[in-house]
Amino acid sequence: MLKERNIAIQVILSIVTCGLYTIVWFISLTDDAAYINDDHSLSGLKAFLFSLLTCGIYTIYWNYKMGKTLYEGMRKRGIEASDNSLIYLILSILGLGIVNYCIMQNDINKVATQTN
């Protein structure tokens, strides 16, 4: 079941906790994208551990993969979507991952409102 999350609150929590809440958000974004695309190979915890083991390099790939996963999942559900994977990749390389999280959460919220 998808949960619609307020993006502003997610950003504020990430700032107030000095980035610690971003880990929770990262894991939930991954799990939600896996649910939307019905991809059981994706796991938020596994993605987070890969990011830790590769000192963040996996996160760059993760951003690209999340764009593809959300796009495919939304199209499967008949929801209008754009493939933001290249935008996510560029923003990730520029160190603007939090912007990616906001865009991803917005897409997840679209699916959540249509399925609930």
Protein backbone atom coordinates (compact mmCIF):
# COMPACT_ATOMS: atom_id res chain seq x y z
CA MET A 1 0.00 0.00 0.00
CA LEU A 2 1.39 3.36 -1.01
CA LYS A 3 1.41 6.23 1.43
CA GLU A 4 1.14 9.78 0.15
CA ARG A 5 3.83 11.89 1.84
CA ASN A 6 4.03 15.66 2.18
CA ILE A 7 7.19 16.67 0.32
CA ALA A 8 7.80 19.83 2.36
CA ILE A 9 7.68 17.85 5.61
CA GLN A 10 10.09 15.26 4.17
CA VAL A 11 12.58 18.01 3.29
CA ILE A 12 12.21 19.73 6.68
CA LEU A 13 12.73 16.44 8.52
CA SER A 14 15.82 15.77 6.40
CA ILE A 15 17.27 19.17 7.31
CA VAL A 16 16.33 19.07 11.02
CA THR A 17 17.87 15.61 11.47
CA CYS A 18 21.06 16.63 9.62
CA GLY A 19 20.31 14.18 6.83
CA LEU A 20 19.49 11.13 8.94
CA TYR A 21 15.84 11.16 7.89
CA THR A 22 17.03 11.14 4.29
CA ILE A 23 18.05 7.51 4.82
CA VAL A 24 14.49 6.61 5.80
CA TRP A 25 13.15 8.56 2.83
CA PHE A 26 15.64 6.82 0.48
CA ILE A 27 14.51 3.39 1.68
CA SER A 28 10.80 4.23 1.45
CA LEU A 29 11.19 5.74 -2.05
CA THR A 30 12.88 2.55 -3.23
CA ASP A 31 10.26 0.30 -1.67
CA ASP A 32 7.41 2.41 -3.07
CA ALA A 33 8.92 2.38 -6.58
CA ALA A 34 9.29 -1.40 -6.35
CA TYR A 35 5.62 -1.67 -5.34
CA ILE A 36 4.50 0.58 -8.21
CA ASN A 37 6.48 -1.41 -10.79
CA ASP A 38 5.74 -4.76 -9.13
CA ASP A 39 9.48 -5.42 -9.01
CA HIS A 40 10.30 -7.73 -6.13
CA SER A 41 14.04 -7.54 -6.78
CA LEU A 42 14.16 -3.94 -5.53
CA SER A 43 14.65 -3.41 -1.83
CA GLY A 44 15.20 -0.12 -0.05
CA LEU A 45 17.43 -1.62 2.59
CA LYS A 46 19.50 -3.49 0.01
CA ALA A 47 19.91 -0.30 -2.05
CA PHE A 48 20.99 1.62 1.04
CA LEU A 49 23.56 -1.04 1.94
CA PHE A 50 24.96 -0.98 -1.62
CA SER A 51 25.25 2.80 -1.34
CA LEU A 52 27.17 2.45 1.91
CA LEU A 53 29.47 -0.26 0.56
CA THR A 54 30.32 1.76 -2.57
CA CYS A 55 30.75 5.05 -0.68
CA GLY A 56 27.79 6.57 -2.51
CA ILE A 57 28.71 5.57 -6.06
CA TYR A 58 25.74 3.17 -6.24
CA THR A 59 23.47 6.11 -5.39
CA ILE A 60 24.24 7.70 -8.77
CA TYR A 61 23.10 4.51 -10.53
CA TRP A 62 20.15 4.22 -8.12
CA ASN A 63 18.88 7.65 -9.16
CA TYR A 64 18.94 6.65 -12.83
CA LYS A 65 17.30 3.29 -12.09
CA MET A 66 14.58 4.93 -10.00
CA GLY A 67 13.67 7.15 -12.94
CA LYS A 68 13.26 4.11 -15.18
CA THR A 69 11.41 2.11 -12.51
CA LEU A 70 8.91 4.85 -11.73
CA TYR A 71 8.33 5.58 -15.41
CA GLU A 72 7.66 1.92 -16.25
CA GLY A 73 5.47 1.41 -13.19
CA MET A 74 3.36 4.48 -13.86
CA ARG A 75 2.89 3.53 -17.51
CA LYS A 76 1.84 0.00 -16.49
CA ARG A 77 -0.83 1.56 -14.30
CA GLY A 78 -2.04 3.87 -17.07
CA ILE A 79 -0.77 7.03 -15.39
CA GLU A 80 0.78 9.75 -17.51
CA ALA A 81 4.49 9.86 -16.75
CA SER A 82 7.80 11.18 -18.04
CA ASP A 83 11.09 9.34 -18.02
CA ASN A 84 13.14 11.47 -15.62
CA SER A 85 16.05 9.05 -15.37
CA LEU A 86 18.52 11.30 -17.19
CA ILE A 87 17.47 14.32 -15.11
CA TYR A 88 17.94 12.25 -11.94
CA LEU A 89 21.38 11.16 -13.11
CA ILE A 90 22.52 14.72 -13.83
CA LEU A 91 21.12 16.11 -10.57
CA SER A 92 22.75 13.28 -8.65
CA ILE A 93 26.15 13.99 -10.19
CA LEU A 94 25.70 17.68 -9.32
CA GLY A 95 24.97 16.76 -5.69
CA LEU A 96 21.29 17.68 -5.81
CA GLY A 97 19.89 14.32 -4.75
CA ILE A 98 17.30 15.92 -2.48
CA VAL A 99 15.70 17.47 -5.58
CA ASN A 100 15.46 13.98 -7.07
CA TYR A 101 13.78 12.73 -3.91
CA CYS A 102 11.18 15.49 -4.18
CA ILE A 103 10.41 14.72 -7.83
CA MET A 104 10.25 10.98 -7.11
CA GLN A 105 7.95 11.56 -4.15
CA ASN A 106 5.71 13.70 -6.32
CA ASP A 107 5.40 10.84 -8.83
CA ILE A 108 4.72 8.34 -6.04
CA ASN A 109 2.07 10.67 -4.60
CA LYS A 110 0.34 10.76 -8.03
CA VAL A 111 0.11 6.97 -8.00
CA ALA A 112 -0.99 6.89 -4.36
CA THR A 113 -3.88 9.30 -4.96
CA GLN A 114 -5.10 7.30 -7.95
CA THR A 115 -4.92 3.90 -6.23
CA ASN A 116 -6.40 4.89 -2.85
